[in-house]
Amino acid sequence: LEKTGTTTLGSAVAYTPRMGYLVSDASAGKLYRYAYNALTETYVLAETKTGSTSFGSAIVYAQASNIYVVSEPTSGSPKVYIYVLNNTIVSDDIVTYQTPIAAPLGVTNWGSKVSLSDDARWLYVSDTDNNKVYVYRQDRINLDAGYFNVGETYIITSIGDTDFTAIGAIDNQVGVT
């Protein structure tokens, strides 16, 4: 993969078959998604996310849940972003999964290292300047079908008699967003 006009392309790289490649240029604050094009048998730029300087310094994911974590550790207001691949019949874009996690007051190097458990329930964020690691646990709030809000992302946890494809899911399977 090549991109002109970058200085730190490849600052962090992640790959999953569904997502393709996430490649960052942290000094520019850019995160590029390259998806496989079966017709040309090449990876093509499919999407670009933009943050502040250092956005994309670290990328981790939990493949089973399509959750991706991207850090912006040393910007003026450091944050950790959490995304999900919106793998539906409508779109396969990267969408924000929750509000970014801002650095605690006084922290200036937030998330230069991040780790995510395989089930995406536990997120670990470094605060290397203060010799700390912050731990976050995902809360799961189960909703019955019919209580969805437009613009929110949901993960199917059980299949009852709901046809999730009728409301945009790519398939009626547990784990699909």
Protein backbone atom coordinates (compact mmCIF):
# COMPACT_ATOMS: atom_id res chain seq x y z
CA LEU A 1 0.00 0.00 0.00
CA GLU A 2 1.31 3.39 -0.90
CA LYS A 3 0.01 6.88 -0.33
CA THR A 4 1.75 10.05 -1.43
CA GLY A 5 2.04 13.07 0.83
CA THR A 6 2.38 11.12 4.07
CA THR A 7 5.23 11.18 6.54
CA THR A 8 4.40 8.38 8.98
CA LEU A 9 2.19 6.04 6.93
CA GLY A 10 2.08 2.73 8.76
CA SER A 11 2.41 4.22 12.26
CA ALA A 12 -0.01 1.46 13.22
CA VAL A 13 -1.58 -1.26 11.07
CA ALA A 14 -4.40 -3.71 11.73
CA TYR A 15 -6.07 -6.27 9.48
CA THR A 16 -9.19 -8.40 9.59
CA PRO A 17 -10.88 -10.13 6.66
CA ARG A 18 -14.07 -8.06 7.05
CA MET A 19 -12.38 -4.70 7.61
CA GLY A 20 -9.41 -5.08 5.33
CA TYR A 21 -6.44 -2.96 6.42
CA LEU A 22 -6.50 -0.02 8.79
CA VAL A 23 -3.32 1.99 8.25
CA SER A 24 -2.55 5.17 10.14
CA ASP A 25 -0.46 8.23 9.47
CA ALA A 26 -0.30 9.45 13.06
CA SER A 27 1.63 12.67 12.42
CA ALA A 28 -1.12 13.73 10.00
CA GLY A 29 -3.90 12.43 12.27
CA LYS A 30 -5.29 10.15 9.54
CA LEU A 31 -6.59 6.60 9.57
CA TYR A 32 -7.05 4.93 6.19
CA ARG A 33 -9.14 1.87 5.50
CA TYR A 34 -8.14 -0.25 2.52
CA ALA A 35 -10.75 -2.79 1.39
CA TYR A 36 -10.25 -5.65 -1.03
CA ASN A 37 -11.71 -5.14 -4.49
CA ALA A 38 -12.39 -8.62 -5.93
CA LEU A 39 -12.78 -7.24 -9.47
CA THR A 40 -9.29 -5.70 -9.61
CA GLU A 41 -7.81 -8.08 -7.02
CA THR A 42 -6.23 -5.15 -5.17
CA TYR A 43 -6.77 -3.20 -1.99
CA VAL A 44 -8.30 0.22 -2.58
CA LEU A 45 -8.78 3.18 -0.28
CA ALA A 46 -12.34 2.84 0.99
CA GLU A 47 -12.52 5.30 3.84
CA THR A 48 -10.52 7.92 5.75
CA LYS A 49 -11.00 8.97 9.38
CA THR A 50 -9.39 12.19 10.56
CA GLY A 51 -8.40 13.23 14.08
CA SER A 52 -5.77 15.44 15.62
CA THR A 53 -2.02 14.91 15.58
CA SER A 54 -1.17 11.41 16.88
CA PHE A 55 -4.59 9.98 15.90
CA GLY A 56 -3.89 6.40 14.90
CA SER A 57 -0.77 5.92 17.03
CA ALA A 58 -2.18 2.58 18.18
CA ILE A 59 -4.90 0.34 16.71
CA VAL A 60 -6.30 -2.79 18.34
CA TYR A 61 -9.36 -4.88 17.59
CA ALA A 62 -11.50 -7.76 18.74
CA GLN A 63 -12.30 -9.64 15.55
CA ALA A 64 -15.22 -11.59 17.01
CA SER A 65 -17.13 -8.38 17.69
CA ASN A 66 -15.83 -6.04 14.96
CA ILE A 67 -14.74 -3.54 17.64
CA TYR A 68 -11.72 -1.36 16.82
CA VAL A 69 -9.87 0.96 19.19
CA VAL A 70 -7.75 3.84 17.87
CA SER A 71 -5.69 6.09 20.10
CA GLU A 72 -4.77 9.75 19.85
CA PRO A 73 -2.31 9.87 22.76
CA THR A 74 -0.48 13.18 22.50
CA SER A 75 -2.83 15.70 20.89
CA GLY A 76 -3.92 18.79 22.81
CA SER A 77 -6.82 16.74 24.17
CA PRO A 78 -5.81 13.06 24.06
CA LYS A 79 -8.58 10.52 23.43
CA VAL A 80 -9.20 6.87 22.71
CA TYR A 81 -11.79 6.22 19.99
CA ILE A 82 -13.92 3.10 19.74
CA TYR A 83 -15.38 2.10 16.39
CA VAL A 84 -17.37 -0.78 14.96
CA LEU A 85 -17.58 -1.99 11.39
CA ASN A 86 -21.18 -1.36 10.37
CA ASN A 87 -21.46 -4.54 8.36
CA THR A 88 -25.01 -4.16 7.02
CA ILE A 89 -26.73 -4.29 3.66
CA VAL A 90 -26.84 -0.48 3.72
CA SER A 91 -23.17 0.21 4.51
CA ASP A 92 -19.91 -1.30 5.61
CA ASP A 93 -18.45 1.93 6.98
CA ILE A 94 -16.56 2.37 10.21
CA VAL A 95 -18.90 4.06 12.68
CA THR A 96 -18.36 5.46 16.15
CA TYR A 97 -19.35 2.86 18.74
CA GLN A 98 -19.35 5.23 21.69
CA THR A 99 -18.21 8.68 22.72
CA PRO A 100 -14.38 8.88 22.71
CA ILE A 101 -12.74 8.29 26.09
CA ALA A 102 -10.93 11.49 27.03
CA ALA A 103 -7.75 11.47 29.07
CA PRO A 104 -8.17 12.15 32.77
CA LEU A 105 -7.21 15.67 33.88
CA GLY A 106 -3.45 16.22 33.69
CA VAL A 107 -2.68 13.18 31.52
CA THR A 108 -0.63 14.13 28.45
CA ASN A 109 0.24 10.70 26.99
CA TRP A 110 -3.06 8.81 26.93
CA GLY A 111 -3.26 5.52 25.09
CA SER A 112 0.10 5.26 23.41
CA LYS A 113 -0.50 1.59 24.21
CA VAL A 114 -3.97 0.05 24.22
CA SER A 115 -5.20 -3.50 24.53
CA LEU A 116 -8.62 -5.07 24.07
CA SER A 117 -9.78 -8.47 25.30
CA ASP A 118 -10.83 -10.99 22.65
CA ASP A 119 -14.48 -10.58 23.61
CA ALA A 120 -14.14 -6.74 23.55
CA ARG A 121 -15.46 -6.50 27.11
CA TRP A 122 -12.20 -5.12 28.61
CA LEU A 123 -10.17 -2.18 27.36
CA TYR A 124 -6.77 -1.25 28.82
CA VAL A 125 -5.39 2.25 28.20
CA SER A 126 -1.87 3.35 29.12
CA ASP A 127 -0.93 6.52 30.96
CA THR A 128 2.82 6.05 30.65
CA ASP A 129 3.79 9.47 32.04
CA ASN A 130 2.10 8.62 35.35
CA ASN A 131 2.99 4.90 35.33
CA LYS A 132 -0.67 3.80 35.22
CA VAL A 133 -3.00 1.64 33.17
CA TYR A 134 -6.71 2.43 33.15
CA VAL A 135 -9.16 -0.46 32.77
CA TYR A 136 -12.65 -0.13 31.28
CA ARG A 137 -15.35 -2.79 31.19
CA GLN A 138 -18.07 -2.75 28.57
CA ASP A 139 -21.60 -2.69 29.90
CA ARG A 140 -24.06 -4.66 27.86
CA ILE A 141 -27.59 -3.42 27.96
CA ASN A 142 -29.95 -5.83 26.29
CA LEU A 143 -32.80 -4.30 24.34
CA ASP A 144 -35.81 -6.02 22.91
CA ALA A 145 -36.34 -5.69 19.17
CA GLY A 146 -38.41 -2.60 18.47
CA TYR A 147 -36.52 -0.35 20.90
CA PHE A 148 -33.84 0.80 18.50
CA ASN A 149 -32.76 4.40 17.92
CA VAL A 150 -31.85 5.65 14.47
CA GLY A 151 -28.12 6.31 14.18
CA GLU A 152 -27.12 3.89 16.97
CA THR A 153 -25.20 0.67 16.34
CA TYR A 154 -26.40 -2.59 17.85
CA ILE A 155 -25.05 -6.12 17.97
CA ILE A 156 -27.39 -9.10 17.65
CA THR A 157 -27.09 -11.18 20.82
CA SER A 158 -29.95 -13.63 20.23
CA ILE A 159 -32.30 -14.48 17.39
CA GLY A 160 -35.92 -14.76 18.35
CA ASP A 161 -38.58 -14.19 15.77
CA THR A 162 -37.08 -10.85 14.67
CA ASP A 163 -35.96 -10.47 11.06
CA PHE A 164 -32.92 -8.24 11.63
CA THR A 165 -32.23 -8.04 7.89
CA ALA A 166 -35.47 -6.07 7.55
CA ILE A 167 -33.89 -3.28 9.63
CA GLY A 168 -30.47 -3.29 7.97
CA ALA A 169 -28.44 -6.23 9.33
CA ILE A 170 -26.49 -8.14 6.73
CA ASP A 171 -27.59 -11.47 8.26
CA ASN A 172 -29.74 -12.89 11.07
CA GLN A 173 -26.81 -14.18 13.13
CA VAL A 174 -25.55 -13.56 16.64
CA GLY A 175 -22.62 -11.13 16.58
CA VAL A 176 -23.70 -9.22 13.46
CA THR A 177 -23.91 -5.44 13.82
